[in-house]
Protein backbone atom coordinates (compact mmCIF):
# COMPACT_ATOMS: atom_id res chain seq x y z
CA MET A 1 7.05 2.54 -14.91
CA PHE A 2 6.68 0.88 -11.48
CA LYS A 3 10.24 -0.40 -11.78
CA ARG A 4 11.55 3.03 -12.80
CA ILE A 5 9.86 4.86 -9.93
CA PHE A 6 10.43 2.31 -7.16
CA LYS A 7 13.74 0.97 -8.50
CA LYS A 8 12.50 -2.63 -8.28
CA ASP A 9 10.11 -4.99 -9.98
CA PHE A 10 6.98 -6.63 -8.57
CA ASN A 11 7.43 -9.59 -6.24
CA ALA A 12 7.60 -12.51 -8.66
CA GLY A 13 6.12 -14.94 -6.13
CA MET A 14 3.05 -12.76 -5.64
CA VAL A 15 2.59 -12.43 -9.40
CA GLN A 16 2.69 -16.25 -9.72
CA ILE A 17 0.02 -16.67 -7.02
CA LEU A 18 -2.19 -14.11 -8.72
CA ARG A 19 -1.69 -15.88 -12.08
CA ASN A 20 -2.63 -19.23 -10.55
CA GLU A 21 -5.81 -17.71 -9.13
CA GLY A 22 -6.63 -16.11 -12.47
CA THR A 23 -6.77 -12.65 -10.92
CA TYR A 24 -3.48 -11.34 -12.30
CA ARG A 25 -4.57 -8.68 -14.76
CA GLY A 26 -1.32 -8.92 -16.69
CA ASP A 27 -1.99 -12.53 -17.69
CA PRO A 28 -2.86 -12.58 -21.43
CA THR A 29 -4.87 -15.78 -20.96
CA ASN A 30 -7.24 -13.99 -18.60
CA VAL A 31 -10.00 -13.09 -21.05
CA GLN A 32 -12.03 -11.27 -18.40
CA TYR A 33 -9.60 -8.38 -18.44
CA SER A 34 -8.82 -8.21 -22.18
CA GLU A 35 -10.74 -4.95 -22.60
CA PHE A 36 -9.03 -3.61 -19.50
CA ASP A 37 -5.64 -4.54 -21.01
CA LYS A 38 -6.35 -2.50 -24.16
CA LYS A 39 -7.21 0.56 -22.10
CA LEU A 40 -4.14 0.03 -19.94
CA ILE A 41 -1.83 -0.14 -22.95
CA VAL A 42 -3.30 3.07 -24.39
CA SER A 43 -2.91 4.74 -20.98
CA PHE A 44 0.74 3.68 -20.72
CA LEU A 45 1.45 4.95 -24.23
CA CYS A 46 -0.10 8.32 -23.39
CA LEU A 47 1.81 8.44 -20.12
CA SER A 48 5.07 7.60 -21.91
CA ILE A 49 4.53 10.43 -24.39
CA LEU A 50 3.74 12.88 -21.59
CA THR A 51 6.77 11.72 -19.61
CA ALA A 52 9.04 12.17 -22.60
CA CYS A 53 7.68 15.67 -23.15
CA SER A 54 8.17 16.66 -19.52
CA SER A 55 11.64 15.20 -19.01
CA THR A 56 12.92 18.59 -17.90
CA LEU A 57 11.45 18.22 -14.39
CA THR A 58 13.88 18.98 -11.61
CA ASN A 59 14.54 16.56 -8.77
CA GLN A 60 12.62 18.86 -6.42
CA GLU A 61 9.58 18.87 -8.73
CA ILE A 62 9.69 15.09 -8.95
CA LYS A 63 9.96 14.85 -5.16
CA GLU A 64 6.98 17.19 -4.69
CA THR A 65 4.95 15.15 -7.19
CA LEU A 66 5.80 11.94 -5.35
CA MET A 67 4.80 13.54 -2.03
CA ILE A 68 1.42 14.51 -3.49
CA SER A 69 1.04 10.96 -4.81
CA SER A 70 1.89 9.57 -1.39
CA SER A 71 -0.68 11.80 0.27
CA GLY A 72 -3.37 10.75 -2.20
CA ALA A 73 -2.54 7.05 -1.87
CA LEU A 74 -2.66 7.35 1.91
CA LYS A 75 -6.06 9.04 1.83
CA MET A 76 -7.47 6.33 -0.45
CA LEU A 77 -6.24 3.64 1.93
CA LEU A 78 -7.70 5.34 5.00
CA VAL A 79 -11.20 5.39 3.53
CA ASP A 80 -11.59 1.70 4.39
CA SER A 81 -10.17 1.71 7.92
CA ASP A 82 -13.50 0.54 9.39
CA VAL A 83 -13.42 -2.44 7.03
CA TYR A 84 -9.95 -3.37 8.28
CA GLN A 85 -11.06 -3.14 11.89
CA LYS A 86 -13.94 -5.55 11.24
CA ALA A 87 -11.81 -7.92 9.14
CA THR A 88 -8.95 -8.15 11.66
CA ASN A 89 -10.63 -10.76 13.85
CA ARG A 90 -12.36 -12.63 11.02
CA GLU A 91 -11.09 -15.89 9.68
CA LEU A 92 -9.75 -15.60 6.19
CA ASP A 93 -12.46 -16.06 3.57
CA PRO A 94 -12.41 -15.13 -0.13
CA VAL A 95 -13.26 -11.49 0.63
CA THR A 96 -10.69 -11.00 3.40
CA TRP A 97 -8.07 -12.81 1.27
CA GLU A 98 -8.64 -10.32 -1.55
CA LEU A 99 -8.53 -7.47 0.97
CA LEU A 100 -5.26 -8.81 2.36
CA LYS A 101 -3.63 -9.05 -1.08
CA SER A 102 -4.80 -5.63 -2.23
CA THR A 103 -3.77 -3.99 1.04
CA LYS A 104 -0.30 -5.50 0.75
CA VAL A 105 0.03 -3.96 -2.71
CA LYS A 106 -1.23 -0.58 -1.46
CA LEU A 107 1.18 -0.60 1.49
CA ASP A 108 4.03 -1.58 -0.82
CA ILE A 109 3.19 1.44 -2.97
CA LEU A 110 3.24 3.71 0.10
CA ARG A 111 6.52 2.16 1.24
CA GLY A 112 8.00 2.62 -2.24
CA LEU A 113 6.91 6.25 -2.39
CA GLU A 114 8.35 6.92 1.06
CA GLU A 115 11.67 5.31 0.05
CA ARG A 116 11.77 7.09 -3.30
CA ILE A 117 11.06 10.50 -1.76
CA GLY A 118 13.84 9.86 0.74
CA GLY A 119 15.40 12.46 2.96
CA SER A 120 13.54 13.01 6.21
CA TYR A 121 10.11 12.35 4.66
CA THR A 122 7.90 9.73 6.33
CA ILE A 123 4.23 8.98 5.76
CA GLU A 124 3.46 9.84 9.37
CA ASP A 125 4.61 13.43 8.89
CA ASN A 126 1.72 15.76 9.71
CA LEU A 127 -0.77 12.95 10.41
CA SER A 128 -3.62 13.72 12.76
CA VAL A 129 -4.26 11.40 15.70
CA GLY A 130 -7.32 10.03 13.90
CA LYS A 131 -5.42 9.19 10.72
CA MET A 132 -2.61 7.62 12.73
CA ASN A 133 -5.23 5.46 14.46
CA GLN A 134 -6.70 4.47 11.10
CA LEU A 135 -3.29 3.38 9.83
CA CYS A 136 -2.79 1.47 13.06
CA LEU A 137 -6.08 -0.39 12.39
CA ILE A 138 -4.87 -1.28 8.89
CA ASN A 139 -1.57 -2.54 10.27
CA ASN A 140 -3.44 -4.58 12.90
CA PHE A 141 -5.29 -6.31 10.05
CA MET A 142 -2.09 -6.99 8.12
CA LEU A 143 -0.26 -8.29 11.18
CA ALA A 144 -3.19 -10.52 12.25
CA HIS A 145 -3.21 -12.23 8.85
CA LYS A 146 0.53 -12.24 8.18
CA LYS A 147 0.75 -16.04 8.28
CA GLU A 148 -1.98 -16.41 5.66
CA PHE A 149 0.44 -15.63 2.83
CA PRO A 150 2.27 -18.61 1.32
CA LYS A 151 5.63 -19.25 2.93
CA THR A 152 7.26 -19.09 -0.51
CA LEU A 153 6.70 -15.33 -0.69
CA ASP A 154 9.35 -13.03 0.71
CA LEU A 155 7.29 -10.46 2.58
CA SER A 156 10.09 -9.33 4.88
CA GLY A 157 10.40 -5.86 3.33
CA THR A 158 6.68 -5.23 3.56
CA TYR A 159 6.23 -6.59 7.06
CA ASP A 160 9.41 -5.00 8.43
CA TRP A 161 8.02 -1.66 7.24
CA ILE A 162 4.53 -2.38 8.67
CA GLU A 163 5.97 -3.41 12.05
CA SER A 164 8.23 -0.33 12.27
CA LYS A 165 5.32 1.98 11.39
CA GLN A 166 3.06 0.21 13.89
CA LYS A 167 5.58 0.87 16.68
CA ILE A 168 5.67 4.55 15.71
CA PHE A 169 1.87 4.81 15.56
CA LEU A 170 1.36 3.07 18.91
CA THR A 171 4.07 5.15 20.60
CA ASN A 172 2.59 8.40 19.25
CA LEU A 173 -0.97 7.41 20.18
CA ASN A 174 0.13 6.48 23.72
CA GLU A 175 2.05 9.75 24.11
CA ILE A 176 -0.83 11.88 22.83
CA LEU A 177 -3.82 10.04 24.29
CA GLY A 178 -2.32 8.26 27.29
CA ASP A 179 -4.99 6.03 28.86
CA LYS A 180 -7.84 7.74 26.99
CA ARG A 181 -9.42 5.73 24.20
CA MET A 182 -10.94 7.14 21.06
CA LYS A 183 -13.78 5.59 19.09
CA ASN A 184 -12.43 2.52 17.24
CA ASP A 185 -9.09 2.87 19.02
CA CYS A 186 -6.55 0.52 17.46
CA ARG A 187 -4.98 -0.09 20.88
CA SER A 188 -8.13 -1.83 22.18
């Protein structure tokens, strides 16, 4: 399903790292998640049946659904913006490493949704100043820990996207706020 929606598969290097750590949920040798796997398979089967039954969706309906998904994914990511602000200047420990990996996946999902929706749609459309600042904090975290990922992983697509969004966020915040600073301002 991920491949069908985003027109590409997961990053194989990242999957290998997750397998080596024993945190890759798709690894059949990972007994901890065996119950989770059963539920996941049932969920995918149900989703496949529903998808087959609703194959008459128009491109516009699919686009609207993806936009709603993007909005929901963005809101879920923004909930933890204070965590990202605190973790930005911390040395990498097991918790911040997990946060870094999961945030990369979440940002890849947002990037994939934005690309799949296409046209003139961008995630920053209709963002308030506060939400733009929250995304800026998240990007600060990702950029501060960029070198923590193994060099064998190709993160160029992810980090090119993060860097381009960060420029947009900073430019917009500077234009709107000027020299004023808001609470937890990502520019500080």
